[in-house]
Amino acid sequence: MENRELIVKNAREYVYDALNNEGSGHDWWHVFRVTNNAIEIAKYEEADIYICELAALLHDIADGKLNESEEAGQKRVYTWLVDNGVSSETLDHVMDIVSKMSFKGGNQKENVSTLEGKIVQDADRLDAMGAIGIARVMCYSGHVGRPIHDPAMKPRENLTLEEYRNGKDTAIMHFYEKLLKLKDTMNTSYATKLAQGRHEFLKVYLDQFYQEWDAKR
């Protein structure tokens, strides 16, 4: 039988070592927040906390943006799970979550189907909203060299995954192409409540931003 406490401890150490110095907003502290969100939602929804915690800890190890490809990232997670004595049932569940939870511009081929997957997805998306979400957008924009705002550039609709990730956008465009859409994608009732307040903060920020941009406030 797998030693859940040891596996979670090892996962925390592994992810910390891998992402502690990551500079795009997908760092250890993002994982830390997502994991805490997932645990709190799991308690409320009476889900398997162990699965939620383990998947949340490993979710960005599998992220295609931090690897040569999504396949390479998922292989890293799979290999770690095998090497750390995770049961086949847990392995399959965690891999199902980390391979399907990404937003991808709303272009997921498959979405999460289990309660635990929905919880981890909600936890990750909550961290892209509100004050922290804004900070992460600006952090990522600086990391990849995209501008904060260009009035000539307008949000794009019905993006393909390639268009979503091609970098032809701005930090402010990303609000419309992702952040403001997240409230309506929440899976659980607890996350939906949290998302509402964070969504409203995004709108307040944008109003202030445009007023300052136009020298009105």
C-alpha atoms as a PDB file:
ATOM      1  CA  MET A   1       0.000   0.000   0.000  1.00  0.00           C
ATOM      2  CA  GLU A   2       1.334   3.438  -0.913  1.00  0.00           C
ATOM      3  CA  ASN A   3       2.615   5.722   1.828  1.00  0.00           C
ATOM      4  CA  ARG A   4       0.468   8.772   1.117  1.00  0.00           C
ATOM      5  CA  GLU A   5       2.136  11.065   3.641  1.00  0.00           C
ATOM      6  CA  LEU A   6       5.618  10.299   2.305  1.00  0.00           C
ATOM      7  CA  ILE A   7       4.512  10.633  -1.321  1.00  0.00           C
ATOM      8  CA  VAL A   8       3.013  14.083  -0.718  1.00  0.00           C
ATOM      9  CA  LYS A   9       6.141  15.148   1.207  1.00  0.00           C
ATOM     10  CA  ASN A  10       8.368  13.965  -1.644  1.00  0.00           C
ATOM     11  CA  ALA A  11       6.149  15.683  -4.195  1.00  0.00           C
ATOM     12  CA  ARG A  12       6.426  18.993  -2.365  1.00  0.00           C
ATOM     13  CA  GLU A  13      10.215  18.724  -2.259  1.00  0.00           C
ATOM     14  CA  TYR A  14      10.417  17.695  -5.912  1.00  0.00           C
ATOM     15  CA  VAL A  15       8.213  20.519  -7.153  1.00  0.00           C
ATOM     16  CA  TYR A  16       9.947  23.085  -4.945  1.00  0.00           C
ATOM     17  CA  ASP A  17      13.328  22.093  -6.373  1.00  0.00           C
ATOM     18  CA  ALA A  18      11.971  22.130  -9.931  1.00  0.00           C
ATOM     19  CA  LEU A  19      10.047  25.403  -9.857  1.00  0.00           C
ATOM     20  CA  ASN A  20      11.444  27.524  -7.025  1.00  0.00           C
ATOM     21  CA  ASN A  21      13.360  29.801  -9.411  1.00  0.00           C
ATOM     22  CA  GLU A  22      10.832  29.727 -12.260  1.00  0.00           C
ATOM     23  CA  GLY A  23      10.172  33.286 -13.468  1.00  0.00           C
ATOM     24  CA  SER A  24       6.937  33.203 -15.470  1.00  0.00           C
ATOM     25  CA  GLY A  25       4.387  33.047 -12.657  1.00  0.00           C
ATOM     26  CA  HIS A  26       4.261  29.243 -12.729  1.00  0.00           C
ATOM     27  CA  ASP A  27       6.651  29.005  -9.823  1.00  0.00           C
ATOM     28  CA  TRP A  28       6.575  27.104  -6.537  1.00  0.00           C
ATOM     29  CA  TRP A  29       4.355  29.713  -4.877  1.00  0.00           C
ATOM     30  CA  HIS A  30       1.755  29.334  -7.614  1.00  0.00           C
ATOM     31  CA  VAL A  31       1.757  25.593  -6.959  1.00  0.00           C
ATOM     32  CA  PHE A  32       1.602  26.257  -3.217  1.00  0.00           C
ATOM     33  CA  ARG A  33      -1.490  28.459  -3.606  1.00  0.00           C
ATOM     34  CA  VAL A  34      -3.208  26.087  -6.020  1.00  0.00           C
ATOM     35  CA  THR A  35      -2.594  23.185  -3.666  1.00  0.00           C
ATOM     36  CA  ASN A  36      -4.050  25.079  -0.710  1.00  0.00           C
ATOM     37  CA  ASN A  37      -7.067  26.087  -2.800  1.00  0.00           C
ATOM     38  CA  ALA A  38      -7.553  22.484  -3.905  1.00  0.00           C
ATOM     39  CA  ILE A  39      -7.407  21.166  -0.342  1.00  0.00           C
ATOM     40  CA  GLU A  40      -9.974  23.697   0.871  1.00  0.00           C
ATOM     41  CA  ILE A  41     -12.346  22.986  -2.010  1.00  0.00           C
ATOM     42  CA  ALA A  42     -11.888  19.229  -1.547  1.00  0.00           C
ATOM     43  CA  LYS A  43     -12.896  19.511   2.116  1.00  0.00           C
ATOM     44  CA  TYR A  44     -16.045  21.417   1.188  1.00  0.00           C
ATOM     45  CA  GLU A  45     -16.926  19.064  -1.680  1.00  0.00           C
ATOM     46  CA  GLU A  46     -16.019  15.911   0.321  1.00  0.00           C
ATOM     47  CA  ALA A  47     -13.559  14.744  -2.318  1.00  0.00           C
ATOM     48  CA  ASP A  48     -10.359  12.684  -2.018  1.00  0.00           C
ATOM     49  CA  ILE A  49      -7.940  15.225  -0.517  1.00  0.00           C
ATOM     50  CA  TYR A  50      -4.897  13.057  -1.247  1.00  0.00           C
ATOM     51  CA  ILE A  51      -5.616  12.907  -4.978  1.00  0.00           C
ATOM     52  CA  CYS A  52      -6.388  16.626  -5.097  1.00  0.00           C
ATOM     53  CA  GLU A  53      -3.225  17.552  -3.219  1.00  0.00           C
ATOM     54  CA  LEU A  54      -0.934  15.301  -5.257  1.00  0.00           C
ATOM     55  CA  ALA A  55      -2.366  16.396  -8.620  1.00  0.00           C
ATOM     56  CA  ALA A  56      -2.242  20.063  -7.627  1.00  0.00           C
ATOM     57  CA  LEU A  57       1.385  19.739  -6.574  1.00  0.00           C
ATOM     58  CA  LEU A  58       2.404  18.099  -9.859  1.00  0.00           C
ATOM     59  CA  HIS A  59       0.169  19.955 -12.299  1.00  0.00           C
ATOM     60  CA  ASP A  60       2.747  22.455 -13.588  1.00  0.00           C
ATOM     61  CA  ILE A  61       5.479  19.846 -13.890  1.00  0.00           C
ATOM     62  CA  ALA A  62       3.342  18.615 -16.790  1.00  0.00           C
ATOM     63  CA  ASP A  63       2.658  22.060 -18.286  1.00  0.00           C
ATOM     64  CA  GLY A  64       3.649  22.301 -21.929  1.00  0.00           C
ATOM     65  CA  LYS A  65       4.845  25.887 -21.397  1.00  0.00           C
ATOM     66  CA  LEU A  66       7.533  24.648 -19.012  1.00  0.00           C
ATOM     67  CA  ASN A  67       8.672  21.678 -21.116  1.00  0.00           C
ATOM     68  CA  GLU A  68       9.701  20.884 -24.668  1.00  0.00           C
ATOM     69  CA  SER A  69       6.163  19.623 -25.215  1.00  0.00           C
ATOM     70  CA  GLU A  70       3.071  18.564 -23.305  1.00  0.00           C
ATOM     71  CA  GLU A  71       4.043  14.951 -23.869  1.00  0.00           C
ATOM     72  CA  ALA A  72       7.457  15.551 -22.321  1.00  0.00           C
ATOM     73  CA  GLY A  73       5.890  17.228 -19.312  1.00  0.00           C
ATOM     74  CA  GLN A  74       3.405  14.443 -18.773  1.00  0.00           C
ATOM     75  CA  LYS A  75       6.197  11.895 -19.038  1.00  0.00           C
ATOM     76  CA  ARG A  76       8.044  13.695 -16.215  1.00  0.00           C
ATOM     77  CA  VAL A  77       4.999  13.374 -13.968  1.00  0.00           C
ATOM     78  CA  TYR A  78       4.414   9.743 -14.929  1.00  0.00           C
ATOM     79  CA  THR A  79       8.042   8.828 -14.252  1.00  0.00           C
ATOM     80  CA  TRP A  80       7.996  10.572 -10.874  1.00  0.00           C
ATOM     81  CA  LEU A  81       4.819   8.782  -9.818  1.00  0.00           C
ATOM     82  CA  VAL A  82       6.248   5.398 -10.783  1.00  0.00           C
ATOM     83  CA  ASP A  83       9.584   6.082  -9.090  1.00  0.00           C
ATOM     84  CA  ASN A  84       7.825   7.098  -5.869  1.00  0.00           C
ATOM     85  CA  GLY A  85       5.734   3.973  -5.487  1.00  0.00           C
ATOM     86  CA  VAL A  86       2.331   5.434  -6.317  1.00  0.00           C
ATOM     87  CA  SER A  87      -0.370   2.819  -6.882  1.00  0.00           C
ATOM     88  CA  SER A  88      -1.643   2.258 -10.415  1.00  0.00           C
ATOM     89  CA  GLU A  89      -5.063   3.606  -9.420  1.00  0.00           C
ATOM     90  CA  THR A  90      -3.605   6.839  -8.050  1.00  0.00           C
ATOM     91  CA  LEU A  91      -1.229   7.143 -10.995  1.00  0.00           C
ATOM     92  CA  ASP A  92      -4.049   6.839 -13.526  1.00  0.00           C
ATOM     93  CA  HIS A  93      -6.196   9.367 -11.671  1.00  0.00           C
ATOM     94  CA  VAL A  94      -3.433  11.959 -11.283  1.00  0.00           C
ATOM     95  CA  MET A  95      -2.341  11.590 -14.905  1.00  0.00           C
ATOM     96  CA  ASP A  96      -5.943  11.994 -16.068  1.00  0.00           C
ATOM     97  CA  ILE A  97      -6.154  15.272 -14.130  1.00  0.00           C
ATOM     98  CA  VAL A  98      -2.846  16.860 -15.118  1.00  0.00           C
ATOM     99  CA  SER A  99      -3.282  15.951 -18.788  1.00  0.00           C
ATOM    100  CA  LYS A 100      -6.756  17.510 -19.115  1.00  0.00           C
ATOM    101  CA  MET A 101      -6.999  20.479 -16.748  1.00  0.00           C
ATOM    102  CA  SER A 102      -5.208  23.214 -18.742  1.00  0.00           C
ATOM    103  CA  PHE A 103      -7.253  26.113 -20.149  1.00  0.00           C
ATOM    104  CA  LYS A 104      -5.515  26.139 -23.571  1.00  0.00           C
ATOM    105  CA  GLY A 105      -7.558  29.075 -24.736  1.00  0.00           C
ATOM    106  CA  GLY A 106     -10.707  27.061 -24.128  1.00  0.00           C
ATOM    107  CA  ASN A 107      -9.526  24.485 -26.664  1.00  0.00           C
ATOM    108  CA  GLN A 108      -9.187  21.385 -24.497  1.00  0.00           C
ATOM    109  CA  LYS A 109      -9.717  18.231 -26.517  1.00  0.00           C
ATOM    110  CA  GLU A 110     -10.919  16.548 -23.326  1.00  0.00           C
ATOM    111  CA  ASN A 111     -11.868  18.100 -20.020  1.00  0.00           C
ATOM    112  CA  VAL A 112     -11.560  16.716 -16.511  1.00  0.00           C
ATOM    113  CA  SER A 113     -14.324  14.301 -15.579  1.00  0.00           C
ATOM    114  CA  THR A 114     -13.782  13.300 -11.926  1.00  0.00           C
ATOM    115  CA  LEU A 115     -14.678  15.438  -8.923  1.00  0.00           C
ATOM    116  CA  GLU A 116     -11.020  15.628  -7.933  1.00  0.00           C
ATOM    117  CA  GLY A 117     -10.069  16.761 -11.421  1.00  0.00           C
ATOM    118  CA  LYS A 118     -12.727  19.453 -11.358  1.00  0.00           C
ATOM    119  CA  ILE A 119     -11.455  20.661  -7.990  1.00  0.00           C
ATOM    120  CA  VAL A 120      -7.820  20.921  -9.094  1.00  0.00           C
ATOM    121  CA  GLN A 121      -8.868  22.684 -12.278  1.00  0.00           C
ATOM    122  CA  ASP A 122     -10.936  25.158 -10.253  1.00  0.00           C
ATOM    123  CA  ALA A 123      -8.039  25.748  -7.862  1.00  0.00           C
ATOM    124  CA  ASP A 124      -5.656  26.461 -10.722  1.00  0.00           C
ATOM    125  CA  ARG A 125      -8.081  28.821 -12.446  1.00  0.00           C
ATOM    126  CA  LEU A 126      -8.774  30.722  -9.235  1.00  0.00           C
ATOM    127  CA  ASP A 127      -5.069  31.565  -9.113  1.00  0.00           C
ATOM    128  CA  ALA A 128      -5.432  33.251 -12.516  1.00  0.00           C
ATOM    129  CA  MET A 129      -8.102  35.599 -11.156  1.00  0.00           C
ATOM    130  CA  GLY A 130      -8.253  38.495  -8.711  1.00  0.00           C
ATOM    131  CA  ALA A 131      -5.218  40.379  -7.411  1.00  0.00           C
ATOM    132  CA  ILE A 132      -2.914  37.384  -7.748  1.00  0.00           C
ATOM    133  CA  GLY A 133      -4.139  36.688 -11.269  1.00  0.00           C
ATOM    134  CA  ILE A 134      -3.297  40.255 -12.286  1.00  0.00           C
ATOM    135  CA  ALA A 135       0.166  39.987 -10.762  1.00  0.00           C
ATOM    136  CA  ARG A 136       0.762  36.731 -12.626  1.00  0.00           C
ATOM    137  CA  VAL A 137      -0.374  38.174 -15.963  1.00  0.00           C
ATOM    138  CA  MET A 138       2.107  41.011 -15.630  1.00  0.00           C
ATOM    139  CA  CYS A 139       4.841  38.637 -14.475  1.00  0.00           C
ATOM    140  CA  TYR A 140       4.276  36.315 -17.442  1.00  0.00           C
ATOM    141  CA  SER A 141       4.087  39.235 -19.863  1.00  0.00           C
ATOM    142  CA  GLY A 142       7.463  40.497 -18.719  1.00  0.00           C
ATOM    143  CA  HIS A 143       8.846  36.968 -18.916  1.00  0.00           C
ATOM    144  CA  VAL A 144       7.861  36.517 -22.568  1.00  0.00           C
ATOM    145  CA  GLY A 145       8.351  40.153 -23.614  1.00  0.00           C
ATOM    146  CA  ARG A 146       4.784  41.073 -24.482  1.00  0.00           C
ATOM    147  CA  PRO A 147       3.575  44.661 -23.894  1.00  0.00           C
ATOM    148  CA  ILE A 148       1.175  45.686 -21.159  1.00  0.00           C
ATOM    149  CA  HIS A 149      -1.288  47.344 -23.522  1.00  0.00           C
ATOM    150  CA  ASP A 150      -1.631  48.475 -27.121  1.00  0.00           C
ATOM    151  CA  PRO A 151      -4.936  50.229 -27.909  1.00  0.00           C
ATOM    152  CA  ALA A 152      -4.640  49.166 -31.545  1.00  0.00           C
ATOM    153  CA  MET A 153      -4.745  45.498 -30.579  1.00  0.00           C
ATOM    154  CA  LYS A 154      -8.151  44.032 -29.795  1.00  0.00           C
ATOM    155  CA  PRO A 155      -9.071  40.777 -28.017  1.00  0.00           C
ATOM    156  CA  ARG A 156      -9.394  37.833 -30.374  1.00  0.00           C
ATOM    157  CA  GLU A 157     -12.411  35.539 -30.467  1.00  0.00           C
ATOM    158  CA  ASN A 158     -12.617  31.797 -31.155  1.00  0.00           C
ATOM    159  CA  LEU A 159      -8.885  31.305 -30.836  1.00  0.00           C
ATOM    160  CA  THR A 160      -7.164  28.153 -31.942  1.00  0.00           C
ATOM    161  CA  LEU A 161      -4.606  26.764 -29.497  1.00  0.00           C
ATOM    162  CA  GLU A 162      -1.792  27.926 -31.799  1.00  0.00           C
ATOM    163  CA  GLU A 163      -3.216  31.462 -31.895  1.00  0.00           C
ATOM    164  CA  TYR A 164      -3.693  31.473 -28.133  1.00  0.00           C
ATOM    165  CA  ARG A 165      -0.049  30.627 -27.544  1.00  0.00           C
ATOM    166  CA  ASN A 166       1.643  32.528 -30.362  1.00  0.00           C
ATOM    167  CA  GLY A 167       2.411  35.589 -28.253  1.00  0.00           C
ATOM    168  CA  LYS A 168       0.624  38.101 -30.493  1.00  0.00           C
ATOM    169  CA  ASP A 169      -1.242  39.705 -27.642  1.00  0.00           C
ATOM    170  CA  THR A 170      -0.834  42.010 -24.662  1.00  0.00           C
ATOM    171  CA  ALA A 171      -1.305  41.644 -20.924  1.00  0.00           C
ATOM    172  CA  ILE A 172      -4.603  43.510 -21.109  1.00  0.00           C
ATOM    173  CA  MET A 173      -5.828  41.403 -24.044  1.00  0.00           C
ATOM    174  CA  HIS A 174      -5.212  38.334 -21.887  1.00  0.00           C
ATOM    175  CA  PHE A 175      -7.866  39.554 -19.462  1.00  0.00           C
ATOM    176  CA  TYR A 176     -10.453  39.218 -22.221  1.00  0.00           C
ATOM    177  CA  GLU A 177      -9.045  36.103 -23.840  1.00  0.00           C
ATOM    178  CA  LYS A 178      -8.804  34.161 -20.578  1.00  0.00           C
ATOM    179  CA  LEU A 179      -9.146  35.773 -17.156  1.00  0.00           C
ATOM    180  CA  LEU A 180     -12.631  37.234 -17.536  1.00  0.00           C
ATOM    181  CA  LYS A 181     -13.886  33.927 -18.970  1.00  0.00           C
ATOM    182  CA  LEU A 182     -12.827  31.829 -15.999  1.00  0.00           C
ATOM    183  CA  LYS A 183     -15.728  32.678 -13.677  1.00  0.00           C
ATOM    184  CA  ASP A 184     -18.148  30.797 -15.916  1.00  0.00           C
ATOM    185  CA  THR A 185     -15.920  27.720 -16.178  1.00  0.00           C
ATOM    186  CA  MET A 186     -15.896  26.833 -12.481  1.00  0.00           C
ATOM    187  CA  ASN A 187     -16.973  23.285 -11.730  1.00  0.00           C
ATOM    188  CA  THR A 188     -17.738  23.373  -8.008  1.00  0.00           C
ATOM    189  CA  SER A 189     -20.049  25.514  -5.917  1.00  0.00           C
ATOM    190  CA  TYR A 190     -17.316  26.542  -3.475  1.00  0.00           C
ATOM    191  CA  ALA A 191     -14.984  27.712  -6.249  1.00  0.00           C
ATOM    192  CA  THR A 192     -17.840  29.517  -7.972  1.00  0.00           C
ATOM    193  CA  LYS A 193     -18.333  31.646  -4.852  1.00  0.00           C
ATOM    194  CA  LEU A 194     -14.646  32.473  -4.640  1.00  0.00           C
ATOM    195  CA  ALA A 195     -14.468  33.218  -8.356  1.00  0.00           C
ATOM    196  CA  GLN A 196     -17.219  35.818  -8.208  1.00  0.00           C
ATOM    197  CA  GLY A 197     -15.249  38.168  -5.944  1.00  0.00           C
ATOM    198  CA  ARG A 198     -12.051  37.694  -7.911  1.00  0.00           C
ATOM    199  CA  HIS A 199     -13.909  38.342 -11.171  1.00  0.00           C
ATOM    200  CA  GLU A 200     -15.306  41.609  -9.855  1.00  0.00           C
ATOM    201  CA  PHE A 201     -11.806  42.697  -8.825  1.00  0.00           C
ATOM    202  CA  LEU A 202     -10.576  42.109 -12.392  1.00  0.00           C
ATOM    203  CA  LYS A 203     -13.272  44.449 -13.693  1.00  0.00           C
ATOM    204  CA  VAL A 204     -12.445  47.122 -11.099  1.00  0.00           C
ATOM    205  CA  TYR A 205      -8.778  46.913 -12.065  1.00  0.00           C
ATOM    206  CA  LEU A 206      -9.526  47.287 -15.779  1.00  0.00           C
ATOM    207  CA  ASP A 207     -11.686  50.338 -15.132  1.00  0.00           C
ATOM    208  CA  GLN A 208      -8.891  51.951 -13.133  1.00  0.00           C
ATOM    209  CA  PHE A 209      -6.318  50.950 -15.767  1.00  0.00           C
ATOM    210  CA  TYR A 210      -8.209  52.576 -18.645  1.00  0.00           C
ATOM    211  CA  GLN A 211      -8.882  55.729 -16.617  1.00  0.00           C
ATOM    212  CA  GLU A 212      -5.183  56.058 -15.858  1.00  0.00           C
ATOM    213  CA  TRP A 213      -4.212  55.216 -19.448  1.00  0.00           C
ATOM    214  CA  ASP A 214      -6.403  58.066 -20.689  1.00  0.00           C
ATOM    215  CA  ALA A 215      -5.108  60.444 -17.987  1.00  0.00           C
ATOM    216  CA  LYS A 216      -8.596  60.678 -16.466  1.00  0.00           C
ATOM    217  CA  ARG A 217      -7.808  59.459 -12.948  1.00  0.00           C
END
